[in-house]
């Protein structure tokens, strides 16, 4: 199974410029985790996903902090880099974290509203 398959429903997009992006159209995948902080304003939108991903990146993959960037919108999470290996490594780890309910809720507990 390749990286693109392993990180679904996140989508890996390679650009002609050499940059690589990962996107997620928000609203269905893991929507229930954001309910635990809905009273604080978390909705599960792209900005919320970006906040959770930033906590993951800073805590679990600090060596990629200056390489992986975020450019999320209200309806879409987006991470990107000009280094394909870095974005793939980040997304493999982040997807594993998303699939572990305890880990993703722990990350969310430290995420800040954007």
PDB file of N, CA and C in Angstrom:
ATOM      1  N   UNK A   1       0.852  -1.176   0.000  1.00  0.00           N
ATOM      2  CA  UNK A   1       0.000   0.000   0.000  1.00  0.00           C
ATOM      3  C   UNK A   1       0.902   1.244   0.000  1.00  0.00           C
ATOM      4  N   UNK A   2       0.636   2.178  -0.908  1.00  0.00           N
ATOM      5  CA  UNK A   2       1.461   3.377  -0.988  1.00  0.00           C
ATOM      6  C   UNK A   2       0.979   4.450  -0.009  1.00  0.00           C
ATOM      7  N   UNK A   3       1.731   5.536   0.092  1.00  0.00           N
ATOM      8  CA  UNK A   3       1.420   6.598   1.046  1.00  0.00           C
ATOM      9  C   UNK A   3       0.035   7.175   0.797  1.00  0.00           C
ATOM     10  N   UNK A   4      -0.295   7.441  -0.463  1.00  0.00           N
ATOM     11  CA  UNK A   4      -1.602   8.026  -0.789  1.00  0.00           C
ATOM     12  C   UNK A   4      -2.745   7.153  -0.280  1.00  0.00           C
ATOM     13  N   UNK A   5      -2.588   5.846  -0.377  1.00  0.00           N
ATOM     14  CA  UNK A   5      -3.614   4.925   0.115  1.00  0.00           C
ATOM     15  C   UNK A   5      -3.667   4.918   1.640  1.00  0.00           C
ATOM     16  N   UNK A   6      -2.500   4.943   2.263  1.00  0.00           N
ATOM     17  CA  UNK A   6      -2.426   4.852   3.724  1.00  0.00           C
ATOM     18  C   UNK A   6      -2.997   6.072   4.431  1.00  0.00           C
ATOM     19  N   UNK A   7      -2.952   7.241   3.789  1.00  0.00           N
ATOM     20  CA  UNK A   7      -3.391   8.459   4.477  1.00  0.00           C
ATOM     21  C   UNK A   7      -4.827   8.860   4.152  1.00  0.00           C
ATOM     22  N   UNK A   8      -5.525   8.065   3.354  1.00  0.00           N
ATOM     23  CA  UNK A   8      -6.921   8.399   3.054  1.00  0.00           C
ATOM     24  C   UNK A   8      -7.717   8.548   4.333  1.00  0.00           C
ATOM     25  N   UNK A   9      -8.631   9.493   4.429  1.00  0.00           N
ATOM     26  CA  UNK A   9      -9.233  10.341   3.404  1.00  0.00           C
ATOM     27  C   UNK A   9      -8.451  11.609   3.072  1.00  0.00           C
ATOM     28  N   UNK A  10      -7.259  11.800   3.655  1.00  0.00           N
ATOM     29  CA  UNK A  10      -6.401  12.908   3.235  1.00  0.00           C
ATOM     30  C   UNK A  10      -5.936  12.621   1.811  1.00  0.00           C
ATOM     31  N   UNK A  11      -5.810  13.667   1.006  1.00  0.00           N
ATOM     32  CA  UNK A  11      -5.405  13.509  -0.385  1.00  0.00           C
ATOM     33  C   UNK A  11      -4.029  14.117  -0.598  1.00  0.00           C
ATOM     34  N   UNK A  12      -3.132  13.363  -1.200  1.00  0.00           N
ATOM     35  CA  UNK A  12      -1.787  13.822  -1.518  1.00  0.00           C
ATOM     36  C   UNK A  12      -1.810  14.427  -2.918  1.00  0.00           C
ATOM     37  N   UNK A  13      -1.337  15.679  -3.038  1.00  0.00           N
ATOM     38  CA  UNK A  13      -1.358  16.382  -4.323  1.00  0.00           C
ATOM     39  C   UNK A  13       0.056  16.849  -4.645  1.00  0.00           C
ATOM     40  N   UNK A  14       0.593  16.386  -5.785  1.00  0.00           N
ATOM     41  CA  UNK A  14       1.913  16.833  -6.229  1.00  0.00           C
ATOM     42  C   UNK A  14       1.720  17.928  -7.266  1.00  0.00           C
ATOM     43  N   UNK A  15       2.415  19.059  -7.057  1.00  0.00           N
ATOM     44  CA  UNK A  15       2.273  20.219  -7.930  1.00  0.00           C
ATOM     45  C   UNK A  15       3.448  20.307  -8.899  1.00  0.00           C
ATOM     46  N   UNK A  16       3.225  20.946 -10.049  1.00  0.00           N
ATOM     47  CA  UNK A  16       4.279  21.121 -11.045  1.00  0.00           C
ATOM     48  C   UNK A  16       5.473  21.888 -10.483  1.00  0.00           C
ATOM     49  N   UNK A  17       5.225  22.734  -9.494  1.00  0.00           N
ATOM     50  CA  UNK A  17       6.284  23.543  -8.883  1.00  0.00           C
ATOM     51  C   UNK A  17       7.256  22.709  -8.053  1.00  0.00           C
ATOM     52  N   UNK A  18       6.871  21.471  -7.766  1.00  0.00           N
ATOM     53  CA  UNK A  18       7.688  20.618  -6.913  1.00  0.00           C
ATOM     54  C   UNK A  18       7.156  20.527  -5.497  1.00  0.00           C
ATOM     55  N   UNK A  19       6.246  21.425  -5.144  1.00  0.00           N
ATOM     56  CA  UNK A  19       5.614  21.360  -3.827  1.00  0.00           C
ATOM     57  C   UNK A  19       4.659  20.178  -3.766  1.00  0.00           C
ATOM     58  N   UNK A  20       4.441  19.689  -2.566  1.00  0.00           N
ATOM     59  CA  UNK A  20       3.501  18.604  -2.334  1.00  0.00           C
ATOM     60  C   UNK A  20       2.550  19.060  -1.240  1.00  0.00           C
ATOM     61  N   UNK A  21       1.257  18.879  -1.478  1.00  0.00           N
ATOM     62  CA  UNK A  21       0.237  19.255  -0.505  1.00  0.00           C
ATOM     63  C   UNK A  21      -0.535  18.029  -0.068  1.00  0.00           C
ATOM     64  N   UNK A  22      -1.096  18.134   1.110  1.00  0.00           N
ATOM     65  CA  UNK A  22      -2.049  17.150   1.602  1.00  0.00           C
ATOM     66  C   UNK A  22      -3.279  17.934   2.008  1.00  0.00           C
ATOM     67  N   UNK A  23      -4.433  17.513   1.499  1.00  0.00           N
ATOM     68  CA  UNK A  23      -5.668  18.218   1.816  1.00  0.00           C
ATOM     69  C   UNK A  23      -6.707  17.252   2.384  1.00  0.00           C
ATOM     70  N   UNK A  24      -7.640  17.841   3.110  1.00  0.00           N
ATOM     71  CA  UNK A  24      -8.779  17.095   3.638  1.00  0.00           C
ATOM     72  C   UNK A  24      -9.979  18.010   3.558  1.00  0.00           C
ATOM     73  N   UNK A  25     -11.001  17.576   2.832  1.00  0.00           N
ATOM     74  CA  UNK A  25     -12.266  18.297   2.858  1.00  0.00           C
ATOM     75  C   UNK A  25     -12.937  17.919   4.166  1.00  0.00           C
ATOM     76  N   UNK A  26     -13.082  18.902   5.038  1.00  0.00           N
ATOM     77  CA  UNK A  26     -13.518  18.640   6.407  1.00  0.00           C
ATOM     78  C   UNK A  26     -15.026  18.462   6.511  1.00  0.00           C
ATOM     79  N   UNK A  27     -15.435  17.914   7.635  1.00  0.00           N
ATOM     80  CA  UNK A  27     -16.861  17.806   7.913  1.00  0.00           C
ATOM     81  C   UNK A  27     -17.341  16.408   8.228  1.00  0.00           C
ATOM     82  N   UNK A  28     -16.635  15.397   7.743  1.00  0.00           N
ATOM     83  CA  UNK A  28     -17.079  14.034   8.024  1.00  0.00           C
ATOM     84  C   UNK A  28     -16.027  13.239   8.790  1.00  0.00           C
ATOM     85  N   UNK A  29     -14.784  13.247   8.325  1.00  0.00           N
ATOM     86  CA  UNK A  29     -13.733  12.458   8.968  1.00  0.00           C
ATOM     87  C   UNK A  29     -13.454  12.995  10.368  1.00  0.00           C
ATOM     88  N   UNK A  30     -13.629  12.144  11.358  1.00  0.00           N
ATOM     89  CA  UNK A  30     -13.335  12.440  12.758  1.00  0.00           C
ATOM     90  C   UNK A  30     -14.088  13.652  13.297  1.00  0.00           C
ATOM     91  N   UNK A  31     -15.212  13.979  12.719  1.00  0.00           N
ATOM     92  CA  UNK A  31     -15.987  15.147  13.166  1.00  0.00           C
ATOM     93  C   UNK A  31     -16.355  15.046  14.641  1.00  0.00           C
ATOM     94  N   UNK A  32     -16.541  13.824  15.120  1.00  0.00           N
ATOM     95  CA  UNK A  32     -16.975  13.631  16.506  1.00  0.00           C
ATOM     96  C   UNK A  32     -15.930  14.068  17.532  1.00  0.00           C
ATOM     97  N   UNK A  33     -14.651  14.048  17.175  1.00  0.00           N
ATOM     98  CA  UNK A  33     -13.647  14.428  18.176  1.00  0.00           C
ATOM     99  C   UNK A  33     -13.737  15.904  18.542  1.00  0.00           C
ATOM    100  N   UNK A  34     -14.156  16.714  17.591  1.00  0.00           N
ATOM    101  CA  UNK A  34     -14.229  18.152  17.850  1.00  0.00           C
ATOM    102  C   UNK A  34     -15.428  18.521  18.720  1.00  0.00           C
ATOM    103  N   UNK A  35     -16.386  17.609  18.838  1.00  0.00           N
ATOM    104  CA  UNK A  35     -17.552  17.871  19.679  1.00  0.00           C
ATOM    105  C   UNK A  35     -17.162  18.071  21.141  1.00  0.00           C
ATOM    106  N   UNK A  36     -16.069  17.446  21.557  1.00  0.00           N
ATOM    107  CA  UNK A  36     -15.644  17.572  22.953  1.00  0.00           C
ATOM    108  C   UNK A  36     -15.232  18.996  23.312  1.00  0.00           C
ATOM    109  N   UNK A  37     -14.937  19.809  22.294  1.00  0.00           N
ATOM    110  CA  UNK A  37     -14.563  21.202  22.555  1.00  0.00           C
ATOM    111  C   UNK A  37     -15.463  22.184  21.807  1.00  0.00           C
ATOM    112  N   UNK A  38     -16.629  21.719  21.419  1.00  0.00           N
ATOM    113  CA  UNK A  38     -17.562  22.575  20.676  1.00  0.00           C
ATOM    114  C   UNK A  38     -17.973  23.802  21.485  1.00  0.00           C
ATOM    115  N   UNK A  39     -18.105  23.642  22.793  1.00  0.00           N
ATOM    116  CA  UNK A  39     -18.507  24.773  23.635  1.00  0.00           C
ATOM    117  C   UNK A  39     -17.442  25.870  23.677  1.00  0.00           C
ATOM    118  N   UNK A  40     -16.218  25.544  23.240  1.00  0.00           N
ATOM    119  CA  UNK A  40     -15.138  26.529  23.169  1.00  0.00           C
ATOM    120  C   UNK A  40     -15.024  27.140  21.775  1.00  0.00           C
ATOM    121  N   UNK A  41     -15.842  26.666  20.846  1.00  0.00           N
ATOM    122  CA  UNK A  41     -15.817  27.203  19.495  1.00  0.00           C
ATOM    123  C   UNK A  41     -15.212  26.299  18.439  1.00  0.00           C
ATOM    124  N   UNK A  42     -14.728  25.127  18.841  1.00  0.00           N
ATOM    125  CA  UNK A  42     -14.189  24.197  17.848  1.00  0.00           C
ATOM    126  C   UNK A  42     -15.335  23.608  17.034  1.00  0.00           C
ATOM    127  N   UNK A  43     -15.163  23.599  15.711  1.00  0.00           N
ATOM    128  CA  UNK A  43     -16.203  23.117  14.803  1.00  0.00           C
ATOM    129  C   UNK A  43     -15.745  21.942  13.952  1.00  0.00           C
ATOM    130  N   UNK A  44     -14.453  21.670  13.943  1.00  0.00           N
ATOM    131  CA  UNK A  44     -13.932  20.640  13.054  1.00  0.00           C
ATOM    132  C   UNK A  44     -13.649  21.177  11.669  1.00  0.00           C
ATOM    133  N   UNK A  45     -13.487  22.497  11.547  1.00  0.00           N
ATOM    134  CA  UNK A  45     -13.204  23.092  10.241  1.00  0.00           C
ATOM    135  C   UNK A  45     -11.709  22.972   9.917  1.00  0.00           C
ATOM    136  N   UNK A  46     -11.318  23.491   8.785  1.00  0.00           N
ATOM    137  CA  UNK A  46      -9.928  23.390   8.367  1.00  0.00           C
ATOM    138  C   UNK A  46      -8.953  24.041   9.327  1.00  0.00           C
ATOM    139  N   UNK A  47      -9.371  25.163   9.911  1.00  0.00           N
ATOM    140  CA  UNK A  47      -8.507  25.845  10.881  1.00  0.00           C
ATOM    141  C   UNK A  47      -8.306  24.991  12.132  1.00  0.00           C
ATOM    142  N   UNK A  48      -9.376  24.333  12.578  1.00  0.00           N
ATOM    143  CA  UNK A  48      -9.274  23.449  13.745  1.00  0.00           C
ATOM    144  C   UNK A  48      -8.334  22.280  13.457  1.00  0.00           C
ATOM    145  N   UNK A  49      -8.476  21.692  12.277  1.00  0.00           N
ATOM    146  CA  UNK A  49      -7.582  20.609  11.888  1.00  0.00           C
ATOM    147  C   UNK A  49      -6.137  21.098  11.859  1.00  0.00           C
ATOM    148  N   UNK A  50      -5.933  22.313  11.340  1.00  0.00           N
ATOM    149  CA  UNK A  50      -4.589  22.881  11.303  1.00  0.00           C
ATOM    150  C   UNK A  50      -4.001  23.045  12.689  1.00  0.00           C
ATOM    151  N   UNK A  51      -4.829  23.444  13.645  1.00  0.00           N
ATOM    152  CA  UNK A  51      -4.368  23.608  15.027  1.00  0.00           C
ATOM    153  C   UNK A  51      -3.951  22.273  15.634  1.00  0.00           C
ATOM    154  N   UNK A  52      -4.739  21.244  15.397  1.00  0.00           N
ATOM    155  CA  UNK A  52      -4.407  19.908  15.908  1.00  0.00           C
ATOM    156  C   UNK A  52      -3.128  19.394  15.235  1.00  0.00           C
ATOM    157  N   UNK A  53      -3.029  19.579  13.924  1.00  0.00           N
ATOM    158  CA  UNK A  53      -1.847  19.132  13.188  1.00  0.00           C
ATOM    159  C   UNK A  53      -0.595  19.865  13.659  1.00  0.00           C
ATOM    160  N   UNK A  54      -0.725  21.148  13.989  1.00  0.00           N
ATOM    161  CA  UNK A  54       0.418  21.925  14.474  1.00  0.00           C
ATOM    162  C   UNK A  54       0.912  21.393  15.817  1.00  0.00           C
ATOM    163  N   UNK A  55      -0.013  21.022  16.702  1.00  0.00           N
ATOM    164  CA  UNK A  55       0.378  20.429  17.985  1.00  0.00           C
ATOM    165  C   UNK A  55       1.125  19.121  17.728  1.00  0.00           C
ATOM    166  N   UNK A  56       0.580  18.285  16.836  1.00  0.00           N
ATOM    167  CA  UNK A  56       1.236  17.023  16.495  1.00  0.00           C
ATOM    168  C   UNK A  56       2.648  17.279  15.972  1.00  0.00           C
ATOM    169  N   UNK A  57       2.768  18.204  15.029  1.00  0.00           N
ATOM    170  CA  UNK A  57       4.059  18.498  14.413  1.00  0.00           C
ATOM    171  C   UNK A  57       5.067  18.981  15.453  1.00  0.00           C
ATOM    172  N   UNK A  58       4.666  19.913  16.296  1.00  0.00           N
ATOM    173  CA  UNK A  58       5.571  20.469  17.305  1.00  0.00           C
ATOM    174  C   UNK A  58       5.996  19.429  18.336  1.00  0.00           C
ATOM    175  N   UNK A  59       5.067  18.569  18.731  1.00  0.00           N
ATOM    176  CA  UNK A  59       5.358  17.610  19.796  1.00  0.00           C
ATOM    177  C   UNK A  59       5.963  16.301  19.308  1.00  0.00           C
ATOM    178  N   UNK A  60       5.517  15.824  18.163  1.00  0.00           N
ATOM    179  CA  UNK A  60       5.920  14.487  17.711  1.00  0.00           C
ATOM    180  C   UNK A  60       6.969  14.498  16.604  1.00  0.00           C
ATOM    181  N   UNK A  61       7.037  15.598  15.838  1.00  0.00           N
ATOM    182  CA  UNK A  61       7.982  15.669  14.724  1.00  0.00           C
ATOM    183  C   UNK A  61       8.626  17.052  14.648  1.00  0.00           C
ATOM    184  N   UNK A  62       9.251  17.497  15.742  1.00  0.00           N
ATOM    185  CA  UNK A  62       9.803  18.856  15.759  1.00  0.00           C
ATOM    186  C   UNK A  62      10.868  19.106  14.690  1.00  0.00           C
ATOM    187  N   UNK A  63      11.502  18.058  14.212  1.00  0.00           N
ATOM    188  CA  UNK A  63      12.502  18.203  13.157  1.00  0.00           C
ATOM    189  C   UNK A  63      11.887  18.656  11.831  1.00  0.00           C
ATOM    190  N   UNK A  64      10.554  18.593  11.714  1.00  0.00           N
ATOM    191  CA  UNK A  64       9.877  19.013  10.480  1.00  0.00           C
ATOM    192  C   UNK A  64       9.159  20.353  10.616  1.00  0.00           C
ATOM    193  N   UNK A  65       9.275  21.007  11.778  1.00  0.00           N
ATOM    194  CA  UNK A  65       8.529  22.244  12.030  1.00  0.00           C
ATOM    195  C   UNK A  65       8.824  23.314  10.983  1.00  0.00           C
ATOM    196  N   UNK A  66      10.060  23.442  10.543  1.00  0.00           N
ATOM    197  CA  UNK A  66      10.409  24.466   9.557  1.00  0.00           C
ATOM    198  C   UNK A  66      10.259  23.983   8.119  1.00  0.00           C
ATOM    199  N   UNK A  67       9.794  22.769   7.941  1.00  0.00           N
ATOM    200  CA  UNK A  67       9.683  22.188   6.598  1.00  0.00           C
ATOM    201  C   UNK A  67       8.227  22.018   6.177  1.00  0.00           C
ATOM    202  N   UNK A  68       7.378  21.591   7.095  1.00  0.00           N
ATOM    203  CA  UNK A  68       5.949  21.401   6.812  1.00  0.00           C
ATOM    204  C   UNK A  68       5.204  22.661   7.225  1.00  0.00           C
ATOM    205  N   UNK A  69       4.383  23.169   6.327  1.00  0.00           N
ATOM    206  CA  UNK A  69       3.598  24.388   6.566  1.00  0.00           C
ATOM    207  C   UNK A  69       2.114  24.068   6.443  1.00  0.00           C
ATOM    208  N   UNK A  70       1.288  24.968   6.970  1.00  0.00           N
ATOM    209  CA  UNK A  70      -0.164  24.808   6.901  1.00  0.00           C
ATOM    210  C   UNK A  70      -0.786  26.015   6.213  1.00  0.00           C
ATOM    211  N   UNK A  71      -1.821  25.753   5.429  1.00  0.00           N
ATOM    212  CA  UNK A  71      -2.566  26.817   4.748  1.00  0.00           C
ATOM    213  C   UNK A  71      -4.022  26.385   4.636  1.00  0.00           C
ATOM    214  N   UNK A  72      -4.641  26.175   5.774  1.00  0.00           N
ATOM    215  CA  UNK A  72      -6.013  25.673   5.801  1.00  0.00           C
ATOM    216  C   UNK A  72      -7.018  26.789   5.553  1.00  0.00           C
ATOM    217  N   UNK A  73      -8.186  26.398   5.126  1.00  0.00           N
ATOM    218  CA  UNK A  73      -9.327  27.295   4.933  1.00  0.00           C
ATOM    219  C   UNK A  73     -10.465  26.744   5.785  1.00  0.00           C
ATOM    220  N   UNK A  74     -11.578  27.438   5.797  1.00  0.00           N
ATOM    221  CA  UNK A  74     -12.713  27.009   6.625  1.00  0.00           C
ATOM    222  C   UNK A  74     -13.158  25.586   6.302  1.00  0.00           C
ATOM    223  N   UNK A  75     -13.219  25.247   5.013  1.00  0.00           N
ATOM    224  CA  UNK A  75     -13.757  23.945   4.618  1.00  0.00           C
ATOM    225  C   UNK A  75     -12.695  22.930   4.210  1.00  0.00           C
ATOM    226  N   UNK A  76     -11.392  23.293   4.390  1.00  0.00           N
ATOM    227  CA  UNK A  76     -10.341  22.394   3.938  1.00  0.00           C
ATOM    228  C   UNK A  76      -9.085  22.542   4.797  1.00  0.00           C
ATOM    229  N   UNK A  77      -8.573  21.409   5.259  1.00  0.00           N
ATOM    230  CA  UNK A  77      -7.265  21.364   5.907  1.00  0.00           C
ATOM    231  C   UNK A  77      -6.222  21.222   4.819  1.00  0.00           C
ATOM    232  N   UNK A  78      -5.111  21.931   4.946  1.00  0.00           N
ATOM    233  CA  UNK A  78      -4.033  21.816   3.971  1.00  0.00           C
ATOM    234  C   UNK A  78      -2.682  21.915   4.662  1.00  0.00           C
ATOM    235  N   UNK A  79      -1.822  20.955   4.386  1.00  0.00           N
ATOM    236  CA  UNK A  79      -0.421  20.986   4.800  1.00  0.00           C
ATOM    237  C   UNK A  79       0.402  20.870   3.524  1.00  0.00           C
ATOM    238  N   UNK A  80       1.551  21.534   3.488  1.00  0.00           N
ATOM    239  CA  UNK A  80       2.355  21.473   2.271  1.00  0.00           C
ATOM    240  C   UNK A  80       3.839  21.603   2.594  1.00  0.00           C
ATOM    241  N   UNK A  81       4.653  21.229   1.619  1.00  0.00           N
ATOM    242  CA  UNK A  81       6.098  21.331   1.741  1.00  0.00           C
ATOM    243  C   UNK A  81       6.710  21.226   0.354  1.00  0.00           C
ATOM    244  N   UNK A  82       7.935  21.691   0.232  1.00  0.00           N
ATOM    245  CA  UNK A  82       8.656  21.476  -1.023  1.00  0.00           C
ATOM    246  C   UNK A  82       9.498  20.200  -0.933  1.00  0.00           C
ATOM    247  N   UNK A  83       9.365  19.502   0.170  1.00  0.00           N
ATOM    248  CA  UNK A  83      10.078  18.236   0.366  1.00  0.00           C
ATOM    249  C   UNK A  83       9.061  17.104   0.518  1.00  0.00           C
ATOM    250  N   UNK A  84       8.941  16.319  -0.533  1.00  0.00           N
ATOM    251  CA  UNK A  84       7.940  15.248  -0.570  1.00  0.00           C
ATOM    252  C   UNK A  84       8.106  14.264   0.583  1.00  0.00           C
ATOM    253  N   UNK A  85       9.332  13.869   0.865  1.00  0.00           N
ATOM    254  CA  UNK A  85       9.569  12.900   1.933  1.00  0.00           C
ATOM    255  C   UNK A  85       9.095  13.442   3.279  1.00  0.00           C
ATOM    256  N   UNK A  86       9.274  14.739   3.492  1.00  0.00           N
ATOM    257  CA  UNK A  86       8.869  15.355   4.762  1.00  0.00           C
ATOM    258  C   UNK A  86       7.357  15.336   4.918  1.00  0.00           C
ATOM    259  N   UNK A  87       6.635  15.716   3.873  1.00  0.00           N
ATOM    260  CA  UNK A  87       5.167  15.760   3.970  1.00  0.00           C
ATOM    261  C   UNK A  87       4.617  14.346   4.099  1.00  0.00           C
ATOM    262  N   UNK A  88       5.228  13.394   3.403  1.00  0.00           N
ATOM    263  CA  UNK A  88       4.775  12.009   3.524  1.00  0.00           C
ATOM    264  C   UNK A  88       5.024  11.471   4.932  1.00  0.00           C
ATOM    265  N   UNK A  89       6.187  11.746   5.480  1.00  0.00           N
ATOM    266  CA  UNK A  89       6.505  11.294   6.835  1.00  0.00           C
ATOM    267  C   UNK A  89       5.552  11.922   7.845  1.00  0.00           C
ATOM    268  N   UNK A  90       5.337  13.228   7.728  1.00  0.00           N
ATOM    269  CA  UNK A  90       4.411  13.922   8.615  1.00  0.00           C
ATOM    270  C   UNK A  90       3.023  13.308   8.520  1.00  0.00           C
ATOM    271  N   UNK A  91       2.525  13.112   7.316  1.00  0.00           N
ATOM    272  CA  UNK A  91       1.155  12.628   7.147  1.00  0.00           C
ATOM    273  C   UNK A  91       0.981  11.183   7.580  1.00  0.00           C
ATOM    274  N   UNK A  92       2.001  10.365   7.406  1.00  0.00           N
ATOM    275  CA  UNK A  92       1.896   8.981   7.889  1.00  0.00           C
ATOM    276  C   UNK A  92       1.743   8.994   9.410  1.00  0.00           C
ATOM    277  N   UNK A  93       2.537   9.817  10.077  1.00  0.00           N
ATOM    278  CA  UNK A  93       2.441   9.916  11.527  1.00  0.00           C
ATOM    279  C   UNK A  93       1.143  10.551  11.983  1.00  0.00           C
ATOM    280  N   UNK A  94       0.733  11.629  11.305  1.00  0.00           N
ATOM    281  CA  UNK A  94      -0.489  12.324  11.699  1.00  0.00           C
ATOM    282  C   UNK A  94      -1.714  11.450  11.467  1.00  0.00           C
ATOM    283  N   UNK A  95      -1.740  10.701  10.376  1.00  0.00           N
ATOM    284  CA  UNK A  95      -2.875   9.807  10.106  1.00  0.00           C
ATOM    285  C   UNK A  95      -2.948   8.719  11.173  1.00  0.00           C
ATOM    286  N   UNK A  96      -1.802   8.172  11.564  1.00  0.00           N
ATOM    287  CA  UNK A  96      -1.795   7.185  12.657  1.00  0.00           C
ATOM    288  C   UNK A  96      -2.358   7.799  13.936  1.00  0.00           C
ATOM    289  N   UNK A  97      -1.969   9.037  14.223  1.00  0.00           N
ATOM    290  CA  UNK A  97      -2.483   9.726  15.412  1.00  0.00           C
ATOM    291  C   UNK A  97      -3.992   9.919  15.317  1.00  0.00           C
ATOM    292  N   UNK A  98      -4.474  10.269  14.139  1.00  0.00           N
ATOM    293  CA  UNK A  98      -5.913  10.473  13.934  1.00  0.00           C
ATOM    294  C   UNK A  98      -6.704   9.194  14.167  1.00  0.00           C
ATOM    295  N   UNK A  99      -6.113   8.072  13.839  1.00  0.00           N
ATOM    296  CA  UNK A  99      -6.796   6.795  13.982  1.00  0.00           C
ATOM    297  C   UNK A  99      -6.767   6.256  15.412  1.00  0.00           C
ATOM    298  N   UNK A 100      -5.976   6.868  16.272  1.00  0.00           N
ATOM    299  CA  UNK A 100      -5.908   6.477  17.679  1.00  0.00           C
ATOM    300  C   UNK A 100      -6.710   7.500  18.479  1.00  0.00           C
ATOM    301  N   UNK A 101      -7.886   7.111  18.920  1.00  0.00           N
ATOM    302  CA  UNK A 101      -8.816   8.038  19.566  1.00  0.00           C
ATOM    303  C   UNK A 101      -8.198   8.741  20.774  1.00  0.00           C
ATOM    304  N   UNK A 102      -7.438   8.026  21.562  1.00  0.00           N
ATOM    305  CA  UNK A 102      -6.815   8.624  22.747  1.00  0.00           C
ATOM    306  C   UNK A 102      -5.798   9.689  22.332  1.00  0.00           C
ATOM    307  N   UNK A 103      -4.988   9.377  21.341  1.00  0.00           N
ATOM    308  CA  UNK A 103      -3.946  10.306  20.892  1.00  0.00           C
ATOM    309  C   UNK A 103      -4.557  11.555  20.273  1.00  0.00           C
ATOM    310  N   UNK A 104      -5.524  11.398  19.376  1.00  0.00           N
ATOM    311  CA  UNK A 104      -6.094  12.565  18.700  1.00  0.00           C
ATOM    312  C   UNK A 104      -6.841  13.461  19.680  1.00  0.00           C
ATOM    313  N   UNK A 105      -7.530  12.870  20.633  1.00  0.00           N
ATOM    314  CA  UNK A 105      -8.216  13.694  21.645  1.00  0.00           C
ATOM    315  C   UNK A 105      -7.207  14.410  22.548  1.00  0.00           C
ATOM    316  N   UNK A 106      -6.092  13.761  22.830  1.00  0.00           N
ATOM    317  CA  UNK A 106      -5.039  14.395  23.616  1.00  0.00           C
ATOM    318  C   UNK A 106      -4.450  15.585  22.859  1.00  0.00           C
ATOM    319  N   UNK A 107      -4.185  15.414  21.574  1.00  0.00           N
ATOM    320  CA  UNK A 107      -3.676  16.522  20.762  1.00  0.00           C
ATOM    321  C   UNK A 107      -4.686  17.663  20.722  1.00  0.00           C
ATOM    322  N   UNK A 108      -5.951  17.320  20.537  1.00  0.00           N
ATOM    323  CA  UNK A 108      -7.004  18.337  20.486  1.00  0.00           C
ATOM    324  C   UNK A 108      -7.082  19.110  21.796  1.00  0.00           C
ATOM    325  N   UNK A 109      -6.801  18.448  22.905  1.00  0.00           N
ATOM    326  CA  UNK A 109      -6.897  19.119  24.210  1.00  0.00           C
ATOM    327  C   UNK A 109      -5.905  20.273  24.330  1.00  0.00           C
ATOM    328  N   UNK A 110      -4.846  20.259  23.519  1.00  0.00           N
ATOM    329  CA  UNK A 110      -3.843  21.322  23.552  1.00  0.00           C
ATOM    330  C   UNK A 110      -3.903  22.247  22.345  1.00  0.00           C
ATOM    331  N   UNK A 111      -4.798  21.968  21.418  1.00  0.00           N
ATOM    332  CA  UNK A 111      -4.942  22.825  20.236  1.00  0.00           C
ATOM    333  C   UNK A 111      -5.589  24.144  20.630  1.00  0.00           C
ATOM    334  N   UNK A 112      -5.224  25.194  19.902  1.00  0.00           N
ATOM    335  CA  UNK A 112      -5.783  26.513  20.149  1.00  0.00           C
ATOM    336  C   UNK A 112      -6.614  26.939  18.955  1.00  0.00           C
ATOM    337  N   UNK A 113      -7.709  27.629  19.237  1.00  0.00           N
ATOM    338  CA  UNK A 113      -8.537  28.149  18.159  1.00  0.00           C
ATOM    339  C   UNK A 113      -7.726  29.122  17.318  1.00  0.00           C
ATOM    340  N   UNK A 114      -7.880  29.017  16.016  1.00  0.00           N
ATOM    341  CA  UNK A 114      -7.181  29.920  15.099  1.00  0.00           C
ATOM    342  C   UNK A 114      -8.050  31.125  14.809  1.00  0.00           C
TER     343      UNK A 114
END
